Protein backbone atom coordinates (compact mmCIF):
# COMPACT_ATOMS: atom_id res chain seq x y z
CA UNK A 1 0.47 -66.28 -40.44
CA UNK A 2 -1.41 -67.49 -43.42
CA UNK A 3 -0.41 -66.20 -46.82
CA UNK A 4 -3.37 -64.33 -48.37
CA UNK A 5 -1.63 -64.26 -51.84
CA UNK A 6 -2.90 -60.80 -52.41
CA UNK A 7 -1.30 -57.99 -54.36
CA UNK A 8 -0.21 -56.41 -51.00
CA UNK A 9 1.99 -59.50 -50.38
CA UNK A 10 3.64 -59.32 -53.74
CA UNK A 11 4.13 -55.55 -53.14
CA UNK A 12 5.93 -56.36 -49.78
CA UNK A 13 8.32 -58.58 -51.41
CA UNK A 14 6.73 -61.85 -50.19
CA UNK A 15 8.57 -64.53 -52.45
CA UNK A 16 5.64 -66.92 -52.56
CA UNK A 17 3.49 -63.83 -54.04
CA UNK A 18 6.24 -62.92 -56.66
CA UNK A 19 5.42 -65.92 -58.97
CA UNK A 20 1.62 -66.67 -59.26
CA UNK A 21 0.59 -70.27 -58.80
CA UNK A 22 1.07 -72.29 -61.96
CA UNK A 23 3.16 -69.67 -63.63
CA UNK A 24 6.91 -70.17 -64.20
CA UNK A 25 8.76 -67.26 -65.46
CA UNK A 26 11.59 -69.15 -66.65
CA UNK A 27 9.24 -71.30 -68.86
CA UNK A 28 8.69 -70.44 -72.68
CA UNK A 29 4.93 -69.28 -72.94
CA UNK A 30 2.71 -68.36 -75.94
CA UNK A 31 -0.87 -67.36 -76.45
CA UNK A 32 -2.78 -70.48 -76.56
CA UNK A 33 -3.61 -71.48 -80.00
CA UNK A 34 -7.45 -71.86 -79.11
CA UNK A 35 -7.36 -68.11 -78.29
CA UNK A 36 -7.93 -65.14 -80.60
CA UNK A 37 -6.43 -61.69 -79.52
CA UNK A 38 -8.21 -58.77 -80.87
CA UNK A 39 -6.49 -55.48 -80.30
CA UNK A 40 -8.78 -52.61 -79.10
CA UNK A 41 -7.94 -49.11 -78.08
CA UNK A 42 -8.29 -50.15 -74.49
CA UNK A 43 -6.21 -52.89 -74.89
CA UNK A 44 -7.51 -56.38 -76.33
CA UNK A 45 -10.10 -58.92 -76.30
CA UNK A 46 -9.12 -62.48 -75.65
CA UNK A 47 -11.60 -65.09 -76.80
CA UNK A 48 -11.00 -68.99 -76.07
CA UNK A 49 -12.69 -71.10 -78.55
CA UNK A 50 -12.49 -74.02 -76.53
CA UNK A 51 -14.04 -72.69 -73.29
CA UNK A 52 -15.81 -69.72 -75.04
CA UNK A 53 -14.33 -67.51 -72.29
CA UNK A 54 -14.13 -63.86 -73.18
CA UNK A 55 -11.26 -61.90 -71.48
CA UNK A 56 -10.45 -58.17 -71.48
CA UNK A 57 -7.04 -56.90 -71.26
CA UNK A 58 -7.02 -53.21 -70.27
CA UNK A 59 -3.13 -52.66 -70.30
CA UNK A 60 -1.58 -52.05 -73.65
CA UNK A 61 1.80 -53.30 -72.01
CA UNK A 62 0.18 -56.50 -70.95
CA UNK A 63 -1.00 -56.84 -74.64
CA UNK A 64 2.53 -56.28 -75.85
CA UNK A 65 3.96 -58.83 -73.39
CA UNK A 66 1.43 -61.43 -74.41
CA UNK A 67 1.97 -61.08 -78.19
CA UNK A 68 5.82 -61.18 -77.46
CA UNK A 69 5.82 -64.48 -75.54
CA UNK A 70 6.00 -66.61 -78.73
CA UNK A 71 9.11 -64.94 -79.66
CA UNK A 72 11.05 -64.64 -76.51
CA UNK A 73 12.76 -67.65 -74.81
CA UNK A 74 11.15 -67.21 -71.46
CA UNK A 75 8.26 -64.97 -69.88
CA UNK A 76 11.12 -63.38 -67.75
CA UNK A 77 12.65 -62.27 -71.20
CA UNK A 78 9.41 -61.02 -72.30
CA UNK A 79 9.09 -58.76 -69.12
CA UNK A 80 12.52 -57.57 -69.84
CA UNK A 81 11.91 -56.82 -73.27
CA UNK A 82 8.99 -54.83 -72.27
CA UNK A 83 11.12 -52.82 -69.81
CA UNK A 84 9.13 -53.87 -66.85
CA UNK A 85 10.89 -52.65 -63.59
CA UNK A 86 11.16 -54.38 -60.21
CA UNK A 87 8.39 -51.90 -58.94
CA UNK A 88 6.24 -52.91 -61.76
CA UNK A 89 6.67 -56.69 -61.60
CA UNK A 90 4.05 -57.63 -59.04
CA UNK A 91 1.24 -56.30 -61.23
CA UNK A 92 2.59 -58.01 -64.31
CA UNK A 93 3.36 -61.34 -62.80
CA UNK A 94 -0.22 -61.30 -61.31
CA UNK A 95 -1.57 -60.63 -64.88
CA UNK A 96 0.42 -63.34 -66.54
CA UNK A 97 -0.50 -65.78 -63.76
CA UNK A 98 -4.15 -65.18 -64.23
CA UNK A 99 -3.79 -65.66 -67.94
CA UNK A 100 -1.94 -69.14 -67.42
CA UNK A 101 -4.59 -70.16 -65.02
CA UNK A 102 -7.20 -69.37 -67.21
CA UNK A 103 -5.69 -70.99 -70.05
CA UNK A 104 -5.39 -68.07 -72.22
CA UNK A 105 -1.48 -68.57 -72.33
CA UNK A 106 0.21 -71.89 -72.46
CA UNK A 107 3.60 -73.36 -72.25
CA UNK A 108 5.42 -74.07 -75.33
């Protein structure tokens, strides 16, 4: 059966869906130097000056994780520092994977 790669797969514990494509939890990450993060009451705006792409983070915990990436040794450590539970992990892995895929966060 083909892997759909969706949220349901991650929630079901499919190991391939636990780590999004192109995202390594054991790597050191940071906000891309070409990206500005502007906190907002709903979360944050991200603007990539290279691609001119605007993204919205609508989750304050994701904003905190993104801001802490440069100060933690790995993305895994940033999730642990934020208190992300096993049940919450798929949502945050999906968000970090999307940010990595779009170039908003990069490896250090």
